Amino acid sequence: RAIRANPRHPTAYREMGHLRRSLRRIDEAIRLYEQQLEVNPKNGETLKALGLALMETGRYWHARQRLFTALTESGRTETLGLTLALAATYLEDRQLNVAQDYYSQAFQMMSDEERSYYEDISRVGTADEAAAVRNLSEEETAQYLRRFWLRRDPTPVTQVNERLLEHFRRVWYSRLYYSRGKTPWDDRGEVYIRYGKPEHISSSAFPNFESSHDVDQVRER
């Protein structure tokens, strides 16, 4: 009704976009965010929301253009989140060196507490590995983590450890989408960091009835 009354409403298209996105109607959300930008082309929050929605559809180049613009229009409080999002787009596009550079920039902006979420190996290592790192000095911890991730590097002859960058992406994703009401994230974040992107997504608000035999077996167990 607000949009009908005022087609150039300052926030209505964005709020409608958020609603569509929460219902997993991503393409509709993207169109609404774009309509909001026609009203206010320099709105940093809408640019960020559009960039993240485009990432969900796999349009990483287009997402980057919106996120870059958001970076110039948003305040300093948004810089860290946008830098991490940009790193994720480059990682998805297999531009690993650029992704690594953006993650390095992001870590320089983080508080010690925030950085600790990315350095924590308890969700990807064994219980013994997680316990071993707790009693080390800062220098010993850095050396231990280098060895830990080197053992998991799928291409150790290259300068970039893809598995480590993927870990950073998973932590960022969990902090972004699974932290509402719980710090640093809820049970979905615990699973996402360990296993990565799900092969099947379903919820009461957005049921997905197409599943494989393997998914059905997991559900039964």
N, C-alpha and C. Protein backbone atom coordinates (compact mmCIF):
# COMPACT_ATOMS: atom_id res chain seq x y z
N ARG A 1 0.83 -1.20 0.00
CA ARG A 1 0.00 0.00 0.00
C ARG A 1 0.87 1.25 0.00
N ALA A 2 2.01 1.19 0.72
CA ALA A 2 2.91 2.34 0.75
C ALA A 2 3.46 2.64 -0.64
N ILE A 3 3.81 1.59 -1.38
CA ILE A 3 4.36 1.77 -2.72
C ILE A 3 3.29 2.31 -3.66
N ARG A 4 2.06 1.83 -3.53
CA ARG A 4 0.99 2.36 -4.39
C ARG A 4 0.75 3.84 -4.09
N ALA A 5 0.82 4.20 -2.82
CA ALA A 5 0.61 5.60 -2.45
C ALA A 5 1.77 6.49 -2.85
N ASN A 6 2.98 5.92 -2.82
CA ASN A 6 4.17 6.70 -3.15
C ASN A 6 5.18 5.80 -3.84
N PRO A 7 5.15 5.74 -5.19
CA PRO A 7 6.07 4.86 -5.93
C PRO A 7 7.55 5.17 -5.69
N ARG A 8 7.86 6.31 -5.11
CA ARG A 8 9.25 6.65 -4.80
C ARG A 8 9.47 6.64 -3.28
N HIS A 9 8.82 5.72 -2.63
CA HIS A 9 8.95 5.59 -1.18
C HIS A 9 10.41 5.31 -0.82
N PRO A 10 10.96 5.95 0.22
CA PRO A 10 12.41 5.84 0.50
C PRO A 10 12.88 4.46 0.98
N THR A 11 11.97 3.63 1.52
CA THR A 11 12.44 2.34 2.05
C THR A 11 11.55 1.15 1.70
N ALA A 12 10.36 1.37 1.16
CA ALA A 12 9.38 0.28 1.01
C ALA A 12 9.88 -0.84 0.11
N TYR A 13 10.54 -0.50 -1.01
CA TYR A 13 11.02 -1.55 -1.91
C TYR A 13 12.06 -2.42 -1.22
N ARG A 14 12.92 -1.78 -0.42
CA ARG A 14 13.95 -2.55 0.28
C ARG A 14 13.32 -3.50 1.29
N GLU A 15 12.35 -3.01 2.05
CA GLU A 15 11.69 -3.87 3.03
C GLU A 15 10.96 -5.02 2.36
N MET A 16 10.34 -4.75 1.22
CA MET A 16 9.70 -5.82 0.45
C MET A 16 10.75 -6.81 -0.03
N GLY A 17 11.92 -6.29 -0.42
CA GLY A 17 13.00 -7.18 -0.85
C GLY A 17 13.47 -8.08 0.27
N HIS A 18 13.62 -7.51 1.48
CA HIS A 18 14.01 -8.33 2.62
C HIS A 18 12.99 -9.44 2.87
N LEU A 19 11.71 -9.11 2.76
CA LEU A 19 10.66 -10.11 2.98
C LEU A 19 10.75 -11.23 1.96
N ARG A 20 10.89 -10.87 0.69
CA ARG A 20 11.00 -11.90 -0.36
C ARG A 20 12.23 -12.76 -0.14
N ARG A 21 13.32 -12.13 0.26
CA ARG A 21 14.55 -12.89 0.46
C ARG A 21 14.41 -13.86 1.62
N SER A 22 13.71 -13.45 2.68
CA SER A 22 13.50 -14.35 3.81
C SER A 22 12.66 -15.55 3.43
N LEU A 23 11.86 -15.41 2.37
CA LEU A 23 11.03 -16.51 1.87
C LEU A 23 11.73 -17.29 0.76
N ARG A 24 13.05 -16.97 0.55
CA ARG A 24 13.87 -17.64 -0.47
C ARG A 24 13.40 -17.33 -1.89
N ARG A 25 12.68 -16.25 -2.07
CA ARG A 25 12.28 -15.81 -3.40
C ARG A 25 13.30 -14.76 -3.86
N ILE A 26 14.50 -15.27 -4.15
CA ILE A 26 15.66 -14.40 -4.32
C ILE A 26 15.53 -13.51 -5.56
N ASP A 27 15.06 -14.04 -6.67
CA ASP A 27 14.95 -13.24 -7.88
C ASP A 27 13.97 -12.07 -7.68
N GLU A 28 12.88 -12.32 -6.96
CA GLU A 28 11.95 -11.23 -6.66
C GLU A 28 12.62 -10.19 -5.77
N ALA A 29 13.39 -10.65 -4.80
CA ALA A 29 14.10 -9.73 -3.90
C ALA A 29 15.07 -8.86 -4.69
N ILE A 30 15.78 -9.45 -5.63
CA ILE A 30 16.74 -8.70 -6.44
C ILE A 30 16.03 -7.59 -7.21
N ARG A 31 14.89 -7.92 -7.82
CA ARG A 31 14.14 -6.90 -8.57
C ARG A 31 13.69 -5.76 -7.66
N LEU A 32 13.27 -6.08 -6.45
CA LEU A 32 12.82 -5.04 -5.52
C LEU A 32 13.99 -4.17 -5.04
N TYR A 33 15.14 -4.79 -4.79
CA TYR A 33 16.31 -4.00 -4.41
C TYR A 33 16.71 -3.06 -5.55
N GLU A 34 16.63 -3.55 -6.77
CA GLU A 34 16.97 -2.70 -7.92
C GLU A 34 15.99 -1.54 -8.04
N GLN A 35 14.71 -1.79 -7.75
CA GLN A 35 13.73 -0.70 -7.75
C GLN A 35 14.04 0.31 -6.66
N GLN A 36 14.49 -0.16 -5.50
CA GLN A 36 14.88 0.76 -4.43
C GLN A 36 16.04 1.64 -4.86
N LEU A 37 16.98 1.06 -5.61
CA LEU A 37 18.14 1.84 -6.05
C LEU A 37 17.76 2.84 -7.13
N GLU A 38 16.68 2.60 -7.86
CA GLU A 38 16.20 3.61 -8.79
C GLU A 38 15.71 4.84 -8.03
N VAL A 39 15.18 4.62 -6.83
CA VAL A 39 14.72 5.73 -5.98
C VAL A 39 15.91 6.40 -5.31
N ASN A 40 16.83 5.58 -4.80
CA ASN A 40 18.00 6.10 -4.08
C ASN A 40 19.23 5.31 -4.49
N PRO A 41 19.92 5.73 -5.56
CA PRO A 41 21.04 4.94 -6.12
C PRO A 41 22.22 4.77 -5.17
N LYS A 42 22.34 5.59 -4.15
CA LYS A 42 23.52 5.57 -3.30
C LYS A 42 23.22 5.03 -1.90
N ASN A 43 22.16 4.27 -1.78
CA ASN A 43 21.81 3.72 -0.48
C ASN A 43 22.70 2.51 -0.19
N GLY A 44 23.60 2.66 0.77
CA GLY A 44 24.57 1.60 1.05
C GLY A 44 23.95 0.32 1.53
N GLU A 45 22.88 0.41 2.35
CA GLU A 45 22.25 -0.81 2.87
C GLU A 45 21.61 -1.61 1.75
N THR A 46 20.95 -0.92 0.81
CA THR A 46 20.32 -1.62 -0.31
C THR A 46 21.36 -2.22 -1.23
N LEU A 47 22.44 -1.49 -1.48
CA LEU A 47 23.51 -2.00 -2.33
C LEU A 47 24.11 -3.28 -1.73
N LYS A 48 24.31 -3.27 -0.42
CA LYS A 48 24.85 -4.47 0.24
C LYS A 48 23.86 -5.62 0.14
N ALA A 49 22.57 -5.35 0.42
CA ALA A 49 21.56 -6.41 0.35
C ALA A 49 21.47 -6.99 -1.05
N LEU A 50 21.54 -6.13 -2.06
CA LEU A 50 21.48 -6.60 -3.44
C LEU A 50 22.72 -7.44 -3.77
N GLY A 51 23.88 -6.99 -3.32
CA GLY A 51 25.10 -7.75 -3.57
C GLY A 51 25.04 -9.14 -2.96
N LEU A 52 24.55 -9.23 -1.73
CA LEU A 52 24.44 -10.53 -1.06
C LEU A 52 23.40 -11.42 -1.74
N ALA A 53 22.30 -10.82 -2.19
CA ALA A 53 21.28 -11.61 -2.90
C ALA A 53 21.82 -12.14 -4.21
N LEU A 54 22.59 -11.33 -4.93
CA LEU A 54 23.20 -11.78 -6.18
C LEU A 54 24.18 -12.91 -5.93
N MET A 55 24.88 -12.87 -4.81
CA MET A 55 25.79 -13.97 -4.46
C MET A 55 25.01 -15.27 -4.30
N GLU A 56 23.82 -15.19 -3.72
CA GLU A 56 23.02 -16.41 -3.51
C GLU A 56 22.60 -17.04 -4.82
N THR A 57 22.56 -16.27 -5.90
CA THR A 57 22.20 -16.82 -7.20
C THR A 57 23.42 -17.17 -8.04
N GLY A 58 24.62 -17.00 -7.47
CA GLY A 58 25.83 -17.36 -8.19
C GLY A 58 26.34 -16.30 -9.15
N ARG A 59 25.77 -15.10 -9.10
CA ARG A 59 26.22 -14.03 -9.99
C ARG A 59 27.27 -13.19 -9.26
N TYR A 60 28.45 -13.75 -9.15
CA TYR A 60 29.47 -13.17 -8.29
C TYR A 60 30.06 -11.88 -8.87
N TRP A 61 30.23 -11.82 -10.19
CA TRP A 61 30.76 -10.58 -10.79
C TRP A 61 29.79 -9.44 -10.55
N HIS A 62 28.51 -9.67 -10.79
CA HIS A 62 27.51 -8.63 -10.59
C HIS A 62 27.43 -8.25 -9.11
N ALA A 63 27.55 -9.25 -8.23
CA ALA A 63 27.54 -8.97 -6.79
C ALA A 63 28.68 -8.04 -6.41
N ARG A 64 29.86 -8.29 -6.99
CA ARG A 64 31.02 -7.46 -6.67
C ARG A 64 30.79 -6.00 -7.03
N GLN A 65 30.16 -5.75 -8.19
CA GLN A 65 29.95 -4.36 -8.60
C GLN A 65 29.09 -3.63 -7.57
N ARG A 66 28.06 -4.29 -7.07
CA ARG A 66 27.21 -3.67 -6.06
C ARG A 66 27.94 -3.51 -4.74
N LEU A 67 28.73 -4.51 -4.36
CA LEU A 67 29.45 -4.44 -3.09
C LEU A 67 30.54 -3.38 -3.13
N PHE A 68 31.22 -3.23 -4.27
CA PHE A 68 32.21 -2.17 -4.41
C PHE A 68 31.56 -0.80 -4.23
N THR A 69 30.40 -0.61 -4.86
CA THR A 69 29.69 0.66 -4.74
C THR A 69 29.26 0.88 -3.30
N ALA A 70 28.76 -0.19 -2.66
CA ALA A 70 28.35 -0.09 -1.25
C ALA A 70 29.52 0.32 -0.37
N LEU A 71 30.71 -0.15 -0.71
CA LEU A 71 31.90 0.16 0.08
C LEU A 71 32.19 1.66 0.05
N THR A 72 31.93 2.31 -1.07
CA THR A 72 32.17 3.75 -1.18
C THR A 72 31.05 4.57 -0.54
N GLU A 73 29.85 4.00 -0.43
CA GLU A 73 28.70 4.74 0.07
C GLU A 73 28.42 4.48 1.55
N SER A 74 28.96 3.41 2.11
CA SER A 74 28.66 3.04 3.50
C SER A 74 29.70 3.62 4.45
N GLY A 75 29.35 3.65 5.71
CA GLY A 75 30.27 4.13 6.73
C GLY A 75 31.30 3.10 7.10
N ARG A 76 32.22 3.47 7.97
CA ARG A 76 33.32 2.59 8.35
C ARG A 76 32.83 1.33 9.05
N THR A 77 31.68 1.42 9.72
CA THR A 77 31.17 0.24 10.42
C THR A 77 30.82 -0.89 9.48
N GLU A 78 30.57 -0.58 8.21
CA GLU A 78 30.21 -1.60 7.22
C GLU A 78 31.41 -2.13 6.47
N THR A 79 32.56 -1.50 6.62
CA THR A 79 33.72 -1.84 5.79
C THR A 79 34.15 -3.29 5.97
N LEU A 80 34.20 -3.77 7.20
CA LEU A 80 34.65 -5.14 7.46
C LEU A 80 33.73 -6.15 6.78
N GLY A 81 32.43 -6.01 6.98
CA GLY A 81 31.48 -6.96 6.39
C GLY A 81 31.53 -6.96 4.87
N LEU A 82 31.67 -5.79 4.28
CA LEU A 82 31.73 -5.70 2.82
C LEU A 82 33.03 -6.28 2.30
N THR A 83 34.12 -6.08 3.01
CA THR A 83 35.41 -6.64 2.59
C THR A 83 35.36 -8.16 2.62
N LEU A 84 34.75 -8.73 3.65
CA LEU A 84 34.61 -10.19 3.74
C LEU A 84 33.70 -10.72 2.64
N ALA A 85 32.64 -9.98 2.32
CA ALA A 85 31.74 -10.40 1.25
C ALA A 85 32.47 -10.37 -0.10
N LEU A 86 33.26 -9.34 -0.33
CA LEU A 86 34.04 -9.26 -1.58
C LEU A 86 35.03 -10.42 -1.66
N ALA A 87 35.68 -10.74 -0.55
CA ALA A 87 36.61 -11.87 -0.54
C ALA A 87 35.89 -13.14 -0.95
N ALA A 88 34.67 -13.33 -0.45
CA ALA A 88 33.90 -14.54 -0.78
C ALA A 88 33.56 -14.60 -2.25
N THR A 89 33.25 -13.46 -2.87
CA THR A 89 32.94 -13.48 -4.31
C THR A 89 34.15 -13.89 -5.12
N TYR A 90 35.32 -13.40 -4.74
CA TYR A 90 36.54 -13.79 -5.47
C TYR A 90 36.86 -15.26 -5.25
N LEU A 91 36.64 -15.74 -4.03
CA LEU A 91 36.88 -17.16 -3.77
C LEU A 91 35.96 -18.03 -4.62
N GLU A 92 34.68 -17.66 -4.71
CA GLU A 92 33.73 -18.43 -5.51
C GLU A 92 34.10 -18.41 -6.99
N ASP A 93 34.71 -17.33 -7.43
CA ASP A 93 35.14 -17.22 -8.83
C ASP A 93 36.54 -17.78 -9.05
N ARG A 94 37.10 -18.41 -8.02
CA ARG A 94 38.41 -19.06 -8.08
C ARG A 94 39.54 -18.06 -8.34
N GLN A 95 39.34 -16.81 -7.98
CA GLN A 95 40.42 -15.82 -8.02
C GLN A 95 41.05 -15.81 -6.62
N LEU A 96 41.83 -16.85 -6.37
CA LEU A 96 42.24 -17.16 -5.00
C LEU A 96 43.21 -16.14 -4.43
N ASN A 97 44.12 -15.64 -5.24
CA ASN A 97 45.09 -14.67 -4.73
C ASN A 97 44.40 -13.38 -4.31
N VAL A 98 43.43 -12.95 -5.09
CA VAL A 98 42.69 -11.73 -4.75
C VAL A 98 41.86 -11.97 -3.49
N ALA A 99 41.23 -13.14 -3.41
CA ALA A 99 40.45 -13.47 -2.22
C ALA A 99 41.33 -13.43 -0.98
N GLN A 100 42.53 -14.00 -1.09
CA GLN A 100 43.44 -14.01 0.05
C GLN A 100 43.82 -12.59 0.47
N ASP A 101 44.03 -11.71 -0.49
CA ASP A 101 44.36 -10.31 -0.18
C ASP A 101 43.22 -9.64 0.58
N TYR A 102 41.99 -9.89 0.16
CA TYR A 102 40.85 -9.27 0.84
C TYR A 102 40.67 -9.83 2.24
N TYR A 103 40.91 -11.13 2.42
CA TYR A 103 40.83 -11.68 3.77
C TYR A 103 41.91 -11.07 4.66
N SER A 104 43.10 -10.85 4.12
CA SER A 104 44.17 -10.23 4.90
C SER A 104 43.77 -8.83 5.34
N GLN A 105 43.15 -8.08 4.43
CA GLN A 105 42.66 -6.74 4.79
C GLN A 105 41.61 -6.82 5.89
N ALA A 106 40.71 -7.79 5.76
CA ALA A 106 39.63 -7.92 6.74
C ALA A 106 40.18 -8.23 8.13
N PHE A 107 41.18 -9.12 8.21
CA PHE A 107 41.71 -9.49 9.52
C PHE A 107 42.38 -8.31 10.21
N GLN A 108 42.92 -7.38 9.44
CA GLN A 108 43.53 -6.20 10.03
C GLN A 108 42.49 -5.29 10.67
N MET A 109 41.23 -5.40 10.23
CA MET A 109 40.15 -4.56 10.78
C MET A 109 39.46 -5.21 11.97
N MET A 110 39.64 -6.51 12.16
CA MET A 110 38.87 -7.25 13.16
C MET A 110 39.38 -7.01 14.58
N SER A 111 38.46 -7.09 15.52
CA SER A 111 38.84 -7.14 16.93
C SER A 111 39.45 -8.51 17.22
N ASP A 112 40.13 -8.62 18.34
CA ASP A 112 40.72 -9.90 18.72
C ASP A 112 39.64 -10.97 18.87
N GLU A 113 38.49 -10.58 19.44
CA GLU A 113 37.40 -11.54 19.63
C GLU A 113 36.88 -12.05 18.30
N GLU A 114 36.67 -11.14 17.34
CA GLU A 114 36.15 -11.55 16.03
C GLU A 114 37.15 -12.45 15.33
N ARG A 115 38.43 -12.10 15.40
CA ARG A 115 39.45 -12.90 14.73
C ARG A 115 39.52 -14.31 15.32
N SER A 116 39.23 -14.42 16.61
CA SER A 116 39.31 -15.73 17.26
C SER A 116 38.30 -16.71 16.67
N TYR A 117 37.17 -16.22 16.17
CA TYR A 117 36.19 -17.11 15.55
C TYR A 117 36.75 -17.75 14.28
N TYR A 118 37.55 -16.99 13.55
CA TYR A 118 38.14 -17.48 12.31
C TYR A 118 39.33 -18.40 12.56
N GLU A 119 40.01 -18.18 13.68
CA GLU A 119 41.19 -18.98 14.00
C GLU A 119 40.84 -20.27 14.74
N ASP A 120 39.64 -20.35 15.27
CA ASP A 120 39.22 -21.52 16.05
C ASP A 120 39.10 -22.75 15.13
N ILE A 121 39.79 -23.82 15.47
CA ILE A 121 39.78 -25.03 14.63
C ILE A 121 38.92 -26.14 15.24
N SER A 122 38.20 -25.84 16.32
CA SER A 122 37.48 -26.90 17.03
C SER A 122 36.38 -27.52 16.18
N ARG A 123 35.88 -26.78 15.18
CA ARG A 123 34.78 -27.31 14.36
C ARG A 123 35.27 -28.02 13.10
N VAL A 124 36.56 -27.95 12.84
CA VAL A 124 37.10 -28.61 11.64
C VAL A 124 38.18 -29.62 11.97
N GLY A 125 38.75 -29.54 13.15
CA GLY A 125 39.79 -30.48 13.54
C GLY A 125 39.25 -31.55 14.47
N THR A 126 40.11 -32.44 14.88
CA THR A 126 39.73 -33.46 15.85
C THR A 126 39.73 -32.84 17.25
N ALA A 127 39.16 -33.56 18.20
CA ALA A 127 39.14 -33.08 19.58
C ALA A 127 40.56 -32.92 20.12
N ASP A 128 41.46 -33.83 19.75
CA ASP A 128 42.85 -33.74 20.21
C ASP A 128 43.54 -32.51 19.62
N GLU A 129 43.29 -32.24 18.35
CA GLU A 129 43.90 -31.07 17.71
C GLU A 129 43.40 -29.79 18.35
N ALA A 130 42.12 -29.71 18.62
CA ALA A 130 41.56 -28.52 19.25
C ALA A 130 42.11 -28.32 20.65
N ALA A 131 42.29 -29.43 21.37
CA ALA A 131 42.81 -29.34 22.74
C ALA A 131 44.28 -28.94 22.75
N ALA A 132 45.04 -29.43 21.78
CA ALA A 132 46.49 -29.17 21.75
C ALA A 132 46.80 -27.69 21.62
N VAL A 133 45.97 -26.96 20.88
CA VAL A 133 46.29 -25.57 20.59
C VAL A 133 45.99 -24.66 21.78
N ARG A 134 45.23 -25.12 22.75
CA ARG A 134 44.80 -24.26 23.85
C ARG A 134 45.93 -23.88 24.80
N ASN A 135 46.96 -24.71 24.88
CA ASN A 135 48.02 -24.48 25.86
C ASN A 135 49.30 -23.94 25.24
N LEU A 136 49.20 -23.40 24.03
CA LEU A 136 50.38 -22.90 23.34
C LEU A 136 50.51 -21.40 23.47
N SER A 137 51.72 -20.91 23.33
CA SER A 137 51.94 -19.46 23.29
C SER A 137 51.43 -18.91 21.97
N GLU A 138 51.41 -17.60 21.85
CA GLU A 138 50.90 -16.98 20.62
C GLU A 138 51.73 -17.41 19.41
N GLU A 139 53.06 -17.42 19.57
CA GLU A 139 53.94 -17.82 18.46
C GLU A 139 53.77 -19.30 18.14
N GLU A 140 53.68 -20.13 19.18
CA GLU A 140 53.49 -21.56 18.96
C GLU A 140 52.14 -21.85 18.32
N THR A 141 51.12 -21.08 18.70
CA THR A 141 49.80 -21.25 18.10
C THR A 141 49.83 -20.95 16.62
N ALA A 142 50.50 -19.87 16.23
CA ALA A 142 50.60 -19.51 14.82
C ALA A 142 51.29 -20.62 14.03
N GLN A 143 52.36 -21.19 14.58
CA GLN A 143 53.06 -22.28 13.89
C GLN A 143 52.19 -23.53 13.81
N TYR A 144 51.48 -23.82 14.88
CA TYR A 144 50.61 -25.01 14.91
C TYR A 144 49.50 -24.87 13.86
N LEU A 145 48.89 -23.68 13.78
CA LEU A 145 47.80 -23.48 12.82
C LEU A 145 48.31 -23.56 11.38
N ARG A 146 49.53 -23.06 11.14
CA ARG A 146 50.10 -23.18 9.79
C ARG A 146 50.23 -24.64 9.39
N ARG A 147 50.73 -25.47 10.31
CA ARG A 147 50.88 -26.91 10.02
C ARG A 147 49.51 -27.58 9.87
N PHE A 148 48.57 -27.19 10.73
CA PHE A 148 47.22 -27.75 10.70
C PHE A 148 46.58 -27.54 9.33
N TRP A 149 46.64 -26.30 8.83
CA TRP A 149 45.99 -26.01 7.55
C TRP A 149 46.79 -26.53 6.36
N LEU A 150 48.10 -26.63 6.52
CA LEU A 150 48.92 -27.19 5.44
C LEU A 150 48.54 -28.65 5.19
N ARG A 151 48.23 -29.39 6.25
CA ARG A 151 47.84 -30.79 6.09
C ARG A 151 46.51 -30.91 5.33
N ARG A 152 45.73 -29.86 5.32
CA ARG A 152 44.42 -29.89 4.66
C ARG A 152 44.41 -29.16 3.32
N ASP A 153 45.55 -28.67 2.91
CA ASP A 153 45.65 -27.92 1.65
C ASP A 153 45.56 -28.88 0.47
N PRO A 154 44.56 -28.76 -0.39
CA PRO A 154 44.43 -29.68 -1.52
C PRO A 154 45.51 -29.49 -2.58
N THR A 155 46.14 -28.30 -2.61
CA THR A 155 47.20 -28.03 -3.59
C THR A 155 48.38 -27.37 -2.87
N PRO A 156 49.15 -28.14 -2.11
CA PRO A 156 50.21 -27.55 -1.30
C PRO A 156 51.34 -26.90 -2.08
N VAL A 157 51.41 -27.15 -3.38
CA VAL A 157 52.49 -26.54 -4.17
C VAL A 157 52.17 -25.10 -4.56
N THR A 158 50.93 -24.66 -4.36
CA THR A 158 50.56 -23.28 -4.69
C THR A 158 50.72 -22.39 -3.46
N GLN A 159 50.66 -21.08 -3.68
CA GLN A 159 50.86 -20.12 -2.59
C GLN A 159 49.59 -19.92 -1.76
N VAL A 160 48.46 -20.37 -2.27
CA VAL A 160 47.18 -20.13 -1.60
C VAL A 160 46.60 -21.46 -1.12
N ASN A 161 46.14 -21.47 0.10
CA ASN A 161 45.51 -22.66 0.68
C ASN A 161 43.99 -22.51 0.52
N GLU A 162 43.44 -23.18 -0.49
CA GLU A 162 42.01 -23.04 -0.79
C GLU A 162 41.14 -23.48 0.38
N ARG A 163 41.56 -24.52 1.10
CA ARG A 163 40.73 -25.01 2.21
C ARG A 163 40.67 -23.99 3.34
N LEU A 164 41.76 -23.30 3.59
CA LEU A 164 41.76 -22.26 4.62
C LEU A 164 40.85 -21.11 4.23
N LEU A 165 40.93 -20.68 2.96
CA LEU A 165 40.05 -19.60 2.50
C LEU A 165 38.59 -20.02 2.57
N GLU A 166 38.31 -21.29 2.25
CA GLU A 166 36.93 -21.78 2.35
C GLU A 166 36.47 -21.76 3.81
N HIS A 167 37.37 -22.07 4.72
CA HIS A 167 37.03 -21.99 6.15
C HIS A 167 36.65 -20.56 6.52
N PHE A 168 37.43 -19.59 6.06
CA PHE A 168 37.11 -18.19 6.33
C PHE A 168 35.72 -17.84 5.78
N ARG A 169 35.42 -18.32 4.57
CA ARG A 169 34.12 -18.02 3.97
C ARG A 169 32.99 -18.62 4.81
N ARG A 170 33.18 -19.85 5.28
CA ARG A 170 32.13 -20.50 6.07
C ARG A 170 31.89 -19.77 7.39
N VAL A 171 32.96 -19.33 8.03
CA VAL A 171 32.81 -18.59 9.28
C VAL A 171 32.08 -17.27 9.02
N TRP A 172 32.49 -16.56 7.97
CA TRP A 172 31.81 -15.31 7.61
C TRP A 172 30.33 -15.55 7.35
N TYR A 173 30.02 -16.59 6.61
CA TYR A 173 28.63 -16.90 6.27
C TYR A 173 27.83 -17.19 7.53
N SER A 174 28.40 -17.95 8.44
CA SER A 174 27.71 -18.29 9.68
C SER A 174 27.51 -17.07 10.56
N ARG A 175 28.50 -16.20 10.60
CA ARG A 175 28.37 -14.96 11.37
C ARG A 175 27.28 -14.07 10.77
N LEU A 176 27.16 -14.09 9.46
CA LEU A 176 26.20 -13.22 8.78
C LEU A 176 24.78 -13.73 8.89
N TYR A 177 24.59 -15.03 8.68
CA TYR A 177 23.23 -15.56 8.53
C TYR A 177 22.73 -16.37 9.73
N TYR A 178 23.63 -16.85 10.58
CA TYR A 178 23.20 -17.75 11.65
C TYR A 178 23.48 -17.21 13.04
N SER A 179 23.70 -15.91 13.17
CA SER A 179 24.07 -15.35 14.47
C SER A 179 22.92 -14.61 15.15
N ARG A 180 21.75 -14.58 14.53
CA ARG A 180 20.65 -13.86 15.14
C ARG A 180 20.20 -14.57 16.42
N GLY A 181 20.34 -13.88 17.55
CA GLY A 181 19.89 -14.44 18.82
C GLY A 181 20.93 -15.28 19.53
N LYS A 182 22.07 -15.55 18.88
CA LYS A 182 23.10 -16.36 19.54
C LYS A 182 24.48 -15.99 19.00
N THR A 183 25.44 -15.84 19.88
CA THR A 183 26.80 -15.48 19.51
C THR A 183 27.73 -16.67 19.73
N PRO A 184 28.62 -16.99 18.79
CA PRO A 184 28.79 -16.33 17.49
C PRO A 184 27.81 -16.81 16.42
N TRP A 185 27.17 -17.99 16.63
CA TRP A 185 26.20 -18.52 15.67
C TRP A 185 25.42 -19.65 16.34
N ASP A 186 24.33 -20.06 15.72
CA ASP A 186 23.52 -21.15 16.29
C ASP A 186 23.98 -22.49 15.73
N ASP A 187 23.18 -23.53 15.95
CA ASP A 187 23.58 -24.89 15.54
C ASP A 187 23.79 -25.00 14.03
N ARG A 188 23.07 -24.19 13.26
CA ARG A 188 23.27 -24.24 11.80
C ARG A 188 24.69 -23.81 11.45
N GLY A 189 25.19 -22.80 12.16
CA GLY A 189 26.57 -22.37 11.92
C GLY A 189 27.58 -23.45 12.26
N GLU A 190 27.32 -24.18 13.36
CA GLU A 190 28.22 -25.27 13.75
C GLU A 190 28.35 -26.29 12.61
N VAL A 191 27.20 -26.64 12.03
CA VAL A 191 27.19 -27.62 10.95
C VAL A 191 27.80 -27.04 9.68
N TYR A 192 27.46 -25.79 9.38
CA TYR A 192 27.92 -25.17 8.13
C TYR A 192 29.45 -25.05 8.11
N ILE A 193 30.04 -24.67 9.23
CA ILE A 193 31.50 -24.50 9.26
C ILE A 193 32.19 -25.85 9.08
N ARG A 194 31.62 -26.90 9.63
CA ARG A 194 32.25 -28.21 9.50
C ARG A 194 32.06 -28.80 8.10
N TYR A 195 30.86 -28.65 7.52
CA TYR A 195 30.54 -29.38 6.29
C TYR A 195 30.36 -28.50 5.05
N GLY A 196 30.18 -27.20 5.22
CA GLY A 196 30.02 -26.33 4.07
C GLY A 196 28.60 -26.25 3.57
N LYS A 197 28.45 -25.86 2.31
CA LYS A 197 27.13 -25.62 1.72
C LYS A 197 26.31 -26.90 1.71
N PRO A 198 25.04 -26.81 2.11
CA PRO A 198 24.19 -28.01 2.09
C PRO A 198 23.78 -28.37 0.67
N GLU A 199 23.55 -29.64 0.47
CA GLU A 199 23.06 -30.11 -0.83
C GLU A 199 21.53 -30.03 -0.91
N HIS A 200 20.89 -29.86 0.24
CA HIS A 200 19.43 -29.82 0.29
C HIS A 200 19.01 -28.81 1.34
N ILE A 201 18.12 -27.88 0.97
CA ILE A 201 17.62 -26.87 1.91
C ILE A 201 16.10 -26.96 1.95
N SER A 202 15.56 -27.06 3.15
CA SER A 202 14.11 -27.07 3.32
C SER A 202 13.77 -26.46 4.66
N SER A 203 12.65 -25.77 4.73
CA SER A 203 12.18 -25.21 5.98
C SER A 203 10.67 -25.18 5.97
N SER A 204 10.07 -24.91 7.13
CA SER A 204 8.62 -24.85 7.19
C SER A 204 8.09 -23.71 6.33
N ALA A 205 8.88 -22.61 6.22
CA ALA A 205 8.44 -21.48 5.41
C ALA A 205 8.69 -21.71 3.93
N PHE A 206 9.65 -22.59 3.61
CA PHE A 206 10.01 -22.82 2.21
C PHE A 206 10.31 -24.30 2.03
N PRO A 207 9.27 -25.13 2.00
CA PRO A 207 9.50 -26.58 1.90
C PRO A 207 10.09 -26.96 0.55
N ASN A 208 11.02 -27.88 0.59
CA ASN A 208 11.65 -28.40 -0.62
C ASN A 208 11.44 -29.92 -0.61
N PHE A 209 10.53 -30.38 -1.44
CA PHE A 209 10.14 -31.79 -1.40
C PHE A 209 11.03 -32.67 -2.28
N GLU A 210 11.94 -32.05 -3.04
CA GLU A 210 12.83 -32.83 -3.88
C GLU A 210 14.08 -33.19 -3.09
N SER A 211 14.27 -34.44 -2.83
CA SER A 211 15.46 -34.86 -2.10
C SER A 211 15.91 -36.22 -2.61
N SER A 212 17.19 -36.48 -2.40
CA SER A 212 17.76 -37.74 -2.86
C SER A 212 17.56 -38.82 -1.80
N HIS A 213 17.86 -40.04 -2.18
CA HIS A 213 17.78 -41.16 -1.24
C HIS A 213 18.73 -40.95 -0.07
N ASP A 214 19.93 -40.38 -0.35
CA ASP A 214 20.90 -40.15 0.71
C ASP A 214 20.35 -39.16 1.74
N VAL A 215 19.70 -38.08 1.25
CA VAL A 215 19.13 -37.09 2.16
C VAL A 215 18.03 -37.72 3.02
N ASP A 216 17.20 -38.54 2.39
CA ASP A 216 16.13 -39.21 3.15
C ASP A 216 16.71 -40.11 4.23
N GLN A 217 17.81 -40.80 3.92
CA GLN A 217 18.44 -41.66 4.92
C GLN A 217 18.98 -40.86 6.11
N VAL A 218 19.58 -39.70 5.81
CA VAL A 218 20.08 -38.84 6.88
C VAL A 218 18.93 -38.39 7.76
N ARG A 219 17.82 -37.99 7.14
CA ARG A 219 16.66 -37.53 7.90
C ARG A 219 16.14 -38.65 8.80
N GLU A 220 16.09 -39.86 8.26
CA GLU A 220 15.60 -41.00 9.06
C GLU A 220 16.50 -41.26 10.27
N ARG A 221 17.82 -41.14 10.06
CA ARG A 221 18.75 -41.38 11.16
C ARG A 221 18.65 -40.28 12.22
